[in-house]
PDB file of N, CA and C in Angstrom:
ATOM      1  N   MET A   1       0.944  -1.005  -0.213  1.00  0.00           N
ATOM      2  CA  MET A   1       0.077   0.166   0.003  1.00  0.00           C
ATOM      3  C   MET A   1       0.821   1.478   0.070  1.00  0.00           C
ATOM      4  N   LEU A   2       0.381   2.279  -0.905  1.00  0.00           N
ATOM      5  CA  LEU A   2       1.292   3.344  -0.741  1.00  0.00           C
ATOM      6  C   LEU A   2       0.842   4.206   0.412  1.00  0.00           C
ATOM      7  N   LEU A   3       1.932   4.848   0.798  1.00  0.00           N
ATOM      8  CA  LEU A   3       1.756   5.726   2.111  1.00  0.00           C
ATOM      9  C   LEU A   3       1.963   7.240   1.484  1.00  0.00           C
ATOM     10  N   ILE A   4       1.324   8.403   1.909  1.00  0.00           N
ATOM     11  CA  ILE A   4       1.101   9.672   1.565  1.00  0.00           C
ATOM     12  C   ILE A   4       1.289  10.419   2.902  1.00  0.00           C
ATOM     13  N   THR A   5       2.360  11.228   2.853  1.00  0.00           N
ATOM     14  CA  THR A   5       2.519  12.055   4.131  1.00  0.00           C
ATOM     15  C   THR A   5       1.395  13.486   3.908  1.00  0.00           C
ATOM     16  N   CYS A   6       0.785  13.369   4.893  1.00  0.00           N
ATOM     17  CA  CYS A   6       0.021  14.662   4.920  1.00  0.00           C
ATOM     18  C   CYS A   6       0.812  15.433   5.897  1.00  0.00           C
ATOM     19  N   PRO A   7       1.120  16.629   5.235  1.00  0.00           N
ATOM     20  CA  PRO A   7       1.781  17.760   6.322  1.00  0.00           C
ATOM     21  C   PRO A   7       0.927  18.094   7.642  1.00  0.00           C
ATOM     22  N   TYR A   8      -0.290  17.592   7.827  1.00  0.00           N
ATOM     23  CA  TYR A   8      -0.775  18.137   8.974  1.00  0.00           C
ATOM     24  C   TYR A   8      -0.588  16.646   9.839  1.00  0.00           C
ATOM     25  N   CYS A   9      -0.870  15.608   9.390  1.00  0.00           N
ATOM     26  CA  CYS A   9      -1.359  14.562   9.869  1.00  0.00           C
ATOM     27  C   CYS A   9       0.055  13.376  10.182  1.00  0.00           C
ATOM     28  N   GLY A  10       0.727  13.486   9.107  1.00  0.00           N
ATOM     29  CA  GLY A  10       1.774  12.650   8.932  1.00  0.00           C
ATOM     30  C   GLY A  10       1.435  11.613   7.929  1.00  0.00           C
ATOM     31  N   PRO A  11       2.443  10.341   8.091  1.00  0.00           N
ATOM     32  CA  PRO A  11       2.305   9.169   6.925  1.00  0.00           C
ATOM     33  C   PRO A  11       0.551   8.590   7.034  1.00  0.00           C
ATOM     34  N   ARG A  12      -0.203   8.433   5.940  1.00  0.00           N
ATOM     35  CA  ARG A  12      -1.492   7.451   5.897  1.00  0.00           C
ATOM     36  C   ARG A  12      -1.380   7.036   4.921  1.00  0.00           C
ATOM     37  N   PRO A  13      -2.419   5.935   4.782  1.00  0.00           N
ATOM     38  CA  PRO A  13      -2.694   5.102   3.548  1.00  0.00           C
ATOM     39  C   PRO A  13      -3.285   5.878   2.459  1.00  0.00           C
ATOM     40  N   GLU A  14      -2.964   5.502   1.147  1.00  0.00           N
ATOM     41  CA  GLU A  14      -3.354   6.144   0.028  1.00  0.00           C
ATOM     42  C   GLU A  14      -4.771   6.353  -0.070  1.00  0.00           C
ATOM     43  N   ILE A  15      -5.725   5.694   0.535  1.00  0.00           N
ATOM     44  CA  ILE A  15      -7.070   5.351   0.353  1.00  0.00           C
ATOM     45  C   ILE A  15      -7.987   6.520   1.230  1.00  0.00           C
ATOM     46  N   GLU A  16      -7.032   7.157   2.208  1.00  0.00           N
ATOM     47  CA  GLU A  16      -7.655   8.360   2.702  1.00  0.00           C
ATOM     48  C   GLU A  16      -7.418   9.424   2.151  1.00  0.00           C
ATOM     49  N   PHE A  17      -7.090   9.500   0.660  1.00  0.00           N
ATOM     50  CA  PHE A  17      -6.809  10.883   0.222  1.00  0.00           C
ATOM     51  C   PHE A  17      -7.398  11.014  -1.283  1.00  0.00           C
ATOM     52  N   ALA A  18      -7.815  12.114  -1.766  1.00  0.00           N
ATOM     53  CA  ALA A  18      -8.216  12.632  -3.079  1.00  0.00           C
ATOM     54  C   ALA A  18      -7.491  13.243  -3.842  1.00  0.00           C
ATOM     55  N   TYR A  19      -7.238  13.141  -4.942  1.00  0.00           N
ATOM     56  CA  TYR A  19      -6.673  13.857  -5.934  1.00  0.00           C
ATOM     57  C   TYR A  19      -7.520  15.167  -6.192  1.00  0.00           C
ATOM     58  N   GLY A  20      -6.787  16.345  -6.363  1.00  0.00           N
ATOM     59  CA  GLY A  20      -7.333  17.652  -6.413  1.00  0.00           C
ATOM     60  C   GLY A  20      -6.848  18.408  -7.639  1.00  0.00           C
ATOM     61  N   GLY A  21      -5.969  17.751  -8.526  1.00  0.00           N
ATOM     62  CA  GLY A  21      -5.852  18.578  -9.843  1.00  0.00           C
ATOM     63  C   GLY A  21      -4.211  19.166  -9.763  1.00  0.00           C
ATOM     64  N   GLN A  22      -4.033  19.767 -10.443  1.00  0.00           N
ATOM     65  CA  GLN A  22      -2.673  20.736 -10.698  1.00  0.00           C
ATOM     66  C   GLN A  22      -2.620  21.640  -9.542  1.00  0.00           C
ATOM     67  N   ALA A  23      -1.565  21.832  -8.798  1.00  0.00           N
ATOM     68  CA  ALA A  23      -1.281  22.801  -8.013  1.00  0.00           C
ATOM     69  C   ALA A  23      -0.698  23.974  -8.518  1.00  0.00           C
ATOM     70  N   HIS A  24      -0.735  25.213  -7.825  1.00  0.00           N
ATOM     71  CA  HIS A  24      -0.301  26.479  -8.276  1.00  0.00           C
ATOM     72  C   HIS A  24      -0.925  27.085  -9.207  1.00  0.00           C
ATOM     73  N   ILE A  25      -2.204  27.094  -9.392  1.00  0.00           N
ATOM     74  CA  ILE A  25      -3.178  27.644 -10.563  1.00  0.00           C
ATOM     75  C   ILE A  25      -3.718  28.926  -9.968  1.00  0.00           C
ATOM     76  N   ALA A  26      -3.241  30.029 -10.505  1.00  0.00           N
ATOM     77  CA  ALA A  26      -3.734  31.245  -9.858  1.00  0.00           C
ATOM     78  C   ALA A  26      -5.033  31.611 -10.645  1.00  0.00           C
ATOM     79  N   ARG A  27      -6.077  31.881  -9.947  1.00  0.00           N
ATOM     80  CA  ARG A  27      -7.374  32.612 -10.342  1.00  0.00           C
ATOM     81  C   ARG A  27      -7.241  33.627 -10.877  1.00  0.00           C
ATOM     82  N   PRO A  28      -7.783  33.997 -12.204  1.00  0.00           N
ATOM     83  CA  PRO A  28      -7.707  35.200 -12.563  1.00  0.00           C
ATOM     84  C   PRO A  28      -7.935  36.387 -11.826  1.00  0.00           C
ATOM     85  N   GLU A  29      -7.145  37.712 -11.984  1.00  0.00           N
ATOM     86  CA  GLU A  29      -7.622  38.587 -11.183  1.00  0.00           C
ATOM     87  C   GLU A  29      -8.939  39.375 -11.445  1.00  0.00           C
ATOM     88  N   ARG A  30      -9.347  39.328 -12.765  1.00  0.00           N
ATOM     89  CA  ARG A  30     -10.359  40.127 -13.122  1.00  0.00           C
ATOM     90  C   ARG A  30     -11.212  38.942 -14.042  1.00  0.00           C
ATOM     91  N   PRO A  31     -11.943  37.988 -13.623  1.00  0.00           N
ATOM     92  CA  PRO A  31     -12.394  36.983 -14.450  1.00  0.00           C
ATOM     93  C   PRO A  31     -13.513  37.688 -15.240  1.00  0.00           C
ATOM     94  N   VAL A  32     -14.024  38.654 -15.057  1.00  0.00           N
ATOM     95  CA  VAL A  32     -15.269  39.092 -15.789  1.00  0.00           C
ATOM     96  C   VAL A  32     -14.561  39.708 -17.006  1.00  0.00           C
ATOM     97  N   GLU A  33     -13.320  39.964 -17.371  1.00  0.00           N
ATOM     98  CA  GLU A  33     -12.922  40.502 -18.540  1.00  0.00           C
ATOM     99  C   GLU A  33     -12.378  39.402 -19.449  1.00  0.00           C
ATOM    100  N   LEU A  34     -12.272  38.058 -18.968  1.00  0.00           N
ATOM    101  CA  LEU A  34     -11.929  36.901 -19.710  1.00  0.00           C
ATOM    102  C   LEU A  34     -13.172  36.681 -20.755  1.00  0.00           C
ATOM    103  N   ASP A  35     -12.607  36.598 -21.953  1.00  0.00           N
ATOM    104  CA  ASP A  35     -13.434  35.918 -23.032  1.00  0.00           C
ATOM    105  C   ASP A  35     -13.636  34.284 -22.710  1.00  0.00           C
ATOM    106  N   ALA A  36     -14.602  33.763 -23.636  1.00  0.00           N
ATOM    107  CA  ALA A  36     -14.899  32.349 -23.260  1.00  0.00           C
ATOM    108  C   ALA A  36     -13.541  31.809 -23.717  1.00  0.00           C
ATOM    109  N   GLN A  37     -12.633  31.885 -24.594  1.00  0.00           N
ATOM    110  CA  GLN A  37     -11.633  30.800 -24.874  1.00  0.00           C
ATOM    111  C   GLN A  37     -10.825  30.994 -23.698  1.00  0.00           C
ATOM    112  N   ASP A  38     -10.331  32.288 -23.030  1.00  0.00           N
ATOM    113  CA  ASP A  38      -9.503  32.499 -21.932  1.00  0.00           C
ATOM    114  C   ASP A  38     -10.060  31.645 -20.644  1.00  0.00           C
ATOM    115  N   TRP A  39     -11.431  31.963 -20.370  1.00  0.00           N
ATOM    116  CA  TRP A  39     -11.924  31.057 -19.502  1.00  0.00           C
ATOM    117  C   TRP A  39     -11.935  29.830 -19.539  1.00  0.00           C
ATOM    118  N   ALA A  40     -11.949  29.220 -20.601  1.00  0.00           N
ATOM    119  CA  ALA A  40     -12.077  27.658 -20.840  1.00  0.00           C
ATOM    120  C   ALA A  40     -10.391  27.193 -20.553  1.00  0.00           C
ATOM    121  N   GLU A  41      -9.738  28.046 -21.155  1.00  0.00           N
ATOM    122  CA  GLU A  41      -8.381  27.593 -20.879  1.00  0.00           C
ATOM    123  C   GLU A  41      -7.808  27.604 -19.539  1.00  0.00           C
ATOM    124  N   PHE A  42      -8.399  28.361 -18.701  1.00  0.00           N
ATOM    125  CA  PHE A  42      -8.299  28.788 -17.095  1.00  0.00           C
ATOM    126  C   PHE A  42      -9.055  27.392 -16.437  1.00  0.00           C
ATOM    127  N   LEU A  43     -10.033  27.053 -16.716  1.00  0.00           N
ATOM    128  CA  LEU A  43     -10.821  26.020 -16.067  1.00  0.00           C
ATOM    129  C   LEU A  43     -10.658  24.547 -16.437  1.00  0.00           C
ATOM    130  N   TYR A  44     -10.080  24.485 -17.945  1.00  0.00           N
ATOM    131  CA  TYR A  44      -9.597  23.177 -18.245  1.00  0.00           C
ATOM    132  C   TYR A  44      -8.175  22.706 -18.865  1.00  0.00           C
ATOM    133  N   MET A  45      -7.527  23.640 -19.402  1.00  0.00           N
ATOM    134  CA  MET A  45      -6.130  23.230 -19.789  1.00  0.00           C
ATOM    135  C   MET A  45      -5.017  23.105 -18.528  1.00  0.00           C
ATOM    136  N   ARG A  46      -4.481  22.109 -18.553  1.00  0.00           N
ATOM    137  CA  ARG A  46      -3.554  21.744 -17.548  1.00  0.00           C
ATOM    138  C   ARG A  46      -2.233  21.009 -18.321  1.00  0.00           C
ATOM    139  N   THR A  47      -1.009  21.247 -17.454  1.00  0.00           N
ATOM    140  CA  THR A  47       0.102  20.482 -17.909  1.00  0.00           C
ATOM    141  C   THR A  47      -0.037  19.012 -17.780  1.00  0.00           C
ATOM    142  N   ASN A  48       0.771  18.408 -18.321  1.00  0.00           N
ATOM    143  CA  ASN A  48       0.618  16.979 -18.115  1.00  0.00           C
ATOM    144  C   ASN A  48       1.735  16.348 -18.061  1.00  0.00           C
ATOM    145  N   PRO A  49       2.798  16.756 -17.568  1.00  0.00           N
ATOM    146  CA  PRO A  49       4.201  16.354 -17.703  1.00  0.00           C
ATOM    147  C   PRO A  49       4.622  14.701 -17.350  1.00  0.00           C
ATOM    148  N   LYS A  50       5.154  14.221 -18.039  1.00  0.00           N
ATOM    149  CA  LYS A  50       5.958  13.053 -17.623  1.00  0.00           C
ATOM    150  C   LYS A  50       7.171  13.351 -16.553  1.00  0.00           C
ATOM    151  N   GLY A  51       7.106  12.916 -15.259  1.00  0.00           N
ATOM    152  CA  GLY A  51       8.030  13.272 -14.441  1.00  0.00           C
ATOM    153  C   GLY A  51       7.628  13.849 -13.259  1.00  0.00           C
ATOM    154  N   VAL A  52       8.327  14.824 -12.882  1.00  0.00           N
ATOM    155  CA  VAL A  52       7.789  15.545 -11.292  1.00  0.00           C
ATOM    156  C   VAL A  52       6.688  16.339 -11.738  1.00  0.00           C
ATOM    157  N   HIS A  53       5.676  16.405 -10.898  1.00  0.00           N
ATOM    158  CA  HIS A  53       4.539  17.285 -11.228  1.00  0.00           C
ATOM    159  C   HIS A  53       3.792  17.841  -9.600  1.00  0.00           C
ATOM    160  N   ALA A  54       3.722  19.027  -9.646  1.00  0.00           N
ATOM    161  CA  ALA A  54       2.982  19.611  -8.515  1.00  0.00           C
ATOM    162  C   ALA A  54       1.609  19.248  -8.452  1.00  0.00           C
ATOM    163  N   GLU A  55       0.939  18.828  -7.437  1.00  0.00           N
ATOM    164  CA  GLU A  55      -0.576  18.265  -7.648  1.00  0.00           C
ATOM    165  C   GLU A  55      -1.136  18.703  -6.281  1.00  0.00           C
ATOM    166  N   ARG A  56      -2.355  19.017  -6.152  1.00  0.00           N
ATOM    167  CA  ARG A  56      -3.287  19.428  -5.239  1.00  0.00           C
ATOM    168  C   ARG A  56      -3.800  17.921  -4.612  1.00  0.00           C
ATOM    169  N   TRP A  57      -3.723  17.616  -3.294  1.00  0.00           N
ATOM    170  CA  TRP A  57      -4.469  16.549  -2.678  1.00  0.00           C
ATOM    171  C   TRP A  57      -5.202  17.033  -1.416  1.00  0.00           C
ATOM    172  N   ARG A  58      -6.256  16.122  -0.976  1.00  0.00           N
ATOM    173  CA  ARG A  58      -6.935  16.369   0.032  1.00  0.00           C
ATOM    174  C   ARG A  58      -7.125  15.049   0.920  1.00  0.00           C
ATOM    175  N   HIS A  59      -6.910  15.266   2.130  1.00  0.00           N
ATOM    176  CA  HIS A  59      -6.808  14.170   3.292  1.00  0.00           C
ATOM    177  C   HIS A  59      -8.207  14.144   3.389  1.00  0.00           C
ATOM    178  N   THR A  60      -9.240  13.428   2.769  1.00  0.00           N
ATOM    179  CA  THR A  60     -10.831  13.407   2.932  1.00  0.00           C
ATOM    180  C   THR A  60     -11.096  12.714   4.210  1.00  0.00           C
ATOM    181  N   HIS A  61     -10.439  11.384   4.498  1.00  0.00           N
ATOM    182  CA  HIS A  61     -10.697  10.782   5.702  1.00  0.00           C
ATOM    183  C   HIS A  61      -9.896  10.870   6.811  1.00  0.00           C
ATOM    184  N   GLY A  62      -9.401  12.288   6.881  1.00  0.00           N
ATOM    185  CA  GLY A  62      -8.483  12.564   7.787  1.00  0.00           C
ATOM    186  C   GLY A  62      -8.833  14.013   8.407  1.00  0.00           C
ATOM    187  N   CYS A  63      -7.670  14.975   8.344  1.00  0.00           N
ATOM    188  CA  CYS A  63      -7.986  16.327   8.715  1.00  0.00           C
ATOM    189  C   CYS A  63      -9.096  16.977   7.704  1.00  0.00           C
ATOM    190  N   ALA A  64      -9.273  16.689   6.547  1.00  0.00           N
ATOM    191  CA  ALA A  64      -9.829  17.100   5.446  1.00  0.00           C
ATOM    192  C   ALA A  64      -9.261  18.528   4.817  1.00  0.00           C
ATOM    193  N   ARG A  65      -7.935  18.591   4.888  1.00  0.00           N
ATOM    194  CA  ARG A  65      -7.086  19.661   4.332  1.00  0.00           C
ATOM    195  C   ARG A  65      -6.808  19.311   3.044  1.00  0.00           C
ATOM    196  N   PHE A  66      -6.693  20.387   2.495  1.00  0.00           N
ATOM    197  CA  PHE A  66      -6.092  20.167   0.910  1.00  0.00           C
ATOM    198  C   PHE A  66      -4.622  20.789   1.443  1.00  0.00           C
ATOM    199  N   PHE A  67      -3.476  19.997   0.559  1.00  0.00           N
ATOM    200  CA  PHE A  67      -2.292  20.398   0.664  1.00  0.00           C
ATOM    201  C   PHE A  67      -1.524  20.160  -0.588  1.00  0.00           C
ATOM    202  N   ASN A  68      -0.355  20.373  -0.852  1.00  0.00           N
ATOM    203  CA  ASN A  68       0.353  20.008  -2.291  1.00  0.00           C
ATOM    204  C   ASN A  68       1.518  19.008  -2.085  1.00  0.00           C
ATOM    205  N   ALA A  69       1.578  18.328  -3.379  1.00  0.00           N
ATOM    206  CA  ALA A  69       2.606  17.195  -3.566  1.00  0.00           C
ATOM    207  C   ALA A  69       3.332  17.380  -4.719  1.00  0.00           C
ATOM    208  N   LEU A  70       4.912  16.964  -4.486  1.00  0.00           N
ATOM    209  CA  LEU A  70       5.495  16.787  -5.870  1.00  0.00           C
ATOM    210  C   LEU A  70       5.510  15.330  -6.034  1.00  0.00           C
ATOM    211  N   ARG A  71       4.784  14.809  -7.350  1.00  0.00           N
ATOM    212  CA  ARG A  71       5.060  13.220  -7.530  1.00  0.00           C
ATOM    213  C   ARG A  71       5.394  13.184  -8.768  1.00  0.00           C
ATOM    214  N   ASP A  72       6.153  12.240  -8.681  1.00  0.00           N
ATOM    215  CA  ASP A  72       6.669  11.490  -9.891  1.00  0.00           C
ATOM    216  C   ASP A  72       5.878  10.526 -10.875  1.00  0.00           C
ATOM    217  N   THR A  73       5.287  11.249 -11.836  1.00  0.00           N
ATOM    218  CA  THR A  73       4.125  10.434 -12.530  1.00  0.00           C
ATOM    219  C   THR A  73       4.470   9.290 -13.191  1.00  0.00           C
ATOM    220  N   THR A  74       5.918   9.221 -13.541  1.00  0.00           N
ATOM    221  CA  THR A  74       6.481   7.758 -14.031  1.00  0.00           C
ATOM    222  C   THR A  74       6.687   6.573 -13.247  1.00  0.00           C
ATOM    223  N   THR A  75       6.697   7.160 -12.042  1.00  0.00           N
ATOM    224  CA  THR A  75       6.819   6.158 -10.812  1.00  0.00           C
ATOM    225  C   THR A  75       5.782   6.005 -10.026  1.00  0.00           C
ATOM    226  N   ASP A  76       5.004   6.940  -9.664  1.00  0.00           N
ATOM    227  CA  ASP A  76       3.878   7.182  -8.793  1.00  0.00           C
ATOM    228  C   ASP A  76       4.588   7.624  -7.451  1.00  0.00           C
ATOM    229  N   GLN A  77       5.779   7.929  -7.234  1.00  0.00           N
ATOM    230  CA  GLN A  77       6.705   8.210  -5.823  1.00  0.00           C
ATOM    231  C   GLN A  77       6.436   9.651  -5.663  1.00  0.00           C
ATOM    232  N   PHE A  78       5.935   9.857  -4.293  1.00  0.00           N
ATOM    233  CA  PHE A  78       5.885  11.169  -3.631  1.00  0.00           C
ATOM    234  C   PHE A  78       6.987  11.788  -3.276  1.00  0.00           C
ATOM    235  N   ILE A  79       7.486  12.907  -3.619  1.00  0.00           N
ATOM    236  CA  ILE A  79       8.734  13.351  -3.536  1.00  0.00           C
ATOM    237  C   ILE A  79       8.824  13.978  -2.423  1.00  0.00           C
ATOM    238  N   ALA A  80       8.013  15.125  -2.294  1.00  0.00           N
ATOM    239  CA  ALA A  80       7.350  16.080  -1.159  1.00  0.00           C
ATOM    240  C   ALA A  80       6.354  16.295  -0.904  1.00  0.00           C
ATOM    241  N   THR A  81       5.681  16.622  -0.049  1.00  0.00           N
ATOM    242  CA  THR A  81       4.297  17.087   0.265  1.00  0.00           C
ATOM    243  C   THR A  81       4.541  18.382   1.263  1.00  0.00           C
ATOM    244  N   TYR A  82       3.681  19.230   0.990  1.00  0.00           N
ATOM    245  CA  TYR A  82       3.820  20.652   1.726  1.00  0.00           C
ATOM    246  C   TYR A  82       2.647  21.233   1.777  1.00  0.00           C
ATOM    247  N   ARG A  83       2.447  22.032   2.665  1.00  0.00           N
ATOM    248  CA  ARG A  83       0.891  22.794   3.002  1.00  0.00           C
ATOM    249  C   ARG A  83       0.841  24.028   1.736  1.00  0.00           C
ATOM    250  N   THR A  84      -0.402  23.973   1.754  1.00  0.00           N
ATOM    251  CA  THR A  84      -1.199  25.121   0.734  1.00  0.00           C
ATOM    252  C   THR A  84      -0.696  26.220   1.142  1.00  0.00           C
ATOM    253  N   GLY A  85      -0.248  27.369   0.091  1.00  0.00           N
ATOM    254  CA  GLY A  85       0.454  28.426   0.607  1.00  0.00           C
ATOM    255  C   GLY A  85       1.927  28.393   0.730  1.00  0.00           C
ATOM    256  N   ALA A  86       2.490  27.294   0.971  1.00  0.00           N
ATOM    257  CA  ALA A  86       4.182  27.271   1.251  1.00  0.00           C
ATOM    258  C   ALA A  86       4.424  27.151  -0.385  1.00  0.00           C
ATOM    259  N   PRO A  87       5.556  28.016  -0.672  1.00  0.00           N
ATOM    260  CA  PRO A  87       6.321  27.751  -1.821  1.00  0.00           C
ATOM    261  C   PRO A  87       7.068  26.031  -2.309  1.00  0.00           C
ATOM    262  N   ARG A  88       6.734  26.146  -3.588  1.00  0.00           N
ATOM    263  CA  ARG A  88       7.118  24.710  -4.080  1.00  0.00           C
ATOM    264  C   ARG A  88       8.431  24.249  -3.868  1.00  0.00           C
ATOM    265  N   PRO A  89       8.767  22.948  -3.244  1.00  0.00           N
ATOM    266  CA  PRO A  89      10.154  22.802  -2.894  1.00  0.00           C
ATOM    267  C   PRO A  89      10.879  22.490  -4.064  1.00  0.00           C
ATOM    268  N   ASP A  90      12.218  22.496  -4.242  1.00  0.00           N
ATOM    269  CA  ASP A  90      13.198  22.313  -5.189  1.00  0.00           C
ATOM    270  C   ASP A  90      13.104  20.622  -5.298  1.00  0.00           C
ATOM    271  N   ALA A  91      12.728  20.051  -6.190  1.00  0.00           N
ATOM    272  CA  ALA A  91      12.616  18.449  -6.385  1.00  0.00           C
ATOM    273  C   ALA A  91      14.155  18.022  -6.430  1.00  0.00           C
ATOM    274  N   THR A  92      15.033  18.651  -6.799  1.00  0.00           N
ATOM    275  CA  THR A  92      16.368  17.931  -7.150  1.00  0.00           C
ATOM    276  C   THR A  92      16.905  17.737  -5.595  1.00  0.00           C
ATOM    277  N   GLU A  93      16.682  19.221  -4.754  1.00  0.00           N
ATOM    278  CA  GLU A  93      16.936  18.821  -3.322  1.00  0.00           C
ATOM    279  C   GLU A  93      16.442  17.877  -2.397  1.00  0.00           C
ATOM    280  N   THR A  94      14.738  17.884  -2.679  1.00  0.00           N
ATOM    281  CA  THR A  94      14.034  16.934  -2.007  1.00  0.00           C
ATOM    282  C   THR A  94      14.483  15.551  -2.174  1.00  0.00           C
ATOM    283  N   ALA A  95      14.780  15.102  -3.460  1.00  0.00           N
ATOM    284  CA  ALA A  95      14.809  13.886  -3.581  1.00  0.00           C
ATOM    285  C   ALA A  95      16.057  13.214  -2.997  1.00  0.00           C
ATOM    286  N   ARG A  96      17.007  13.929  -2.514  1.00  0.00           N
ATOM    287  CA  ARG A  96      18.102  13.485  -1.932  1.00  0.00           C
ATOM    288  C   ARG A  96      18.165  12.699  -0.785  1.00  0.00           C
TER     289      ARG A  96
END
């Protein structure tokens, strides 16, 4: 079983968590000024890299808080987890 480290509760089994999409997506400052194409890009277009990716997760069966994680999409390995609002850690330093 895969263990995911919640930055608030510590390591827990993967079944306690829900994926929440790509992390660090900034909401438009003036959404009313966006046309349909720009609004659709904000809502639906995400990067899908092969390798390390910043993601949002929610500890649904625990503290219920959202947090961010760096996960390698090729191995499914979690490199780091960190609280929402904290800066993204450097994946090369964290993997050591």
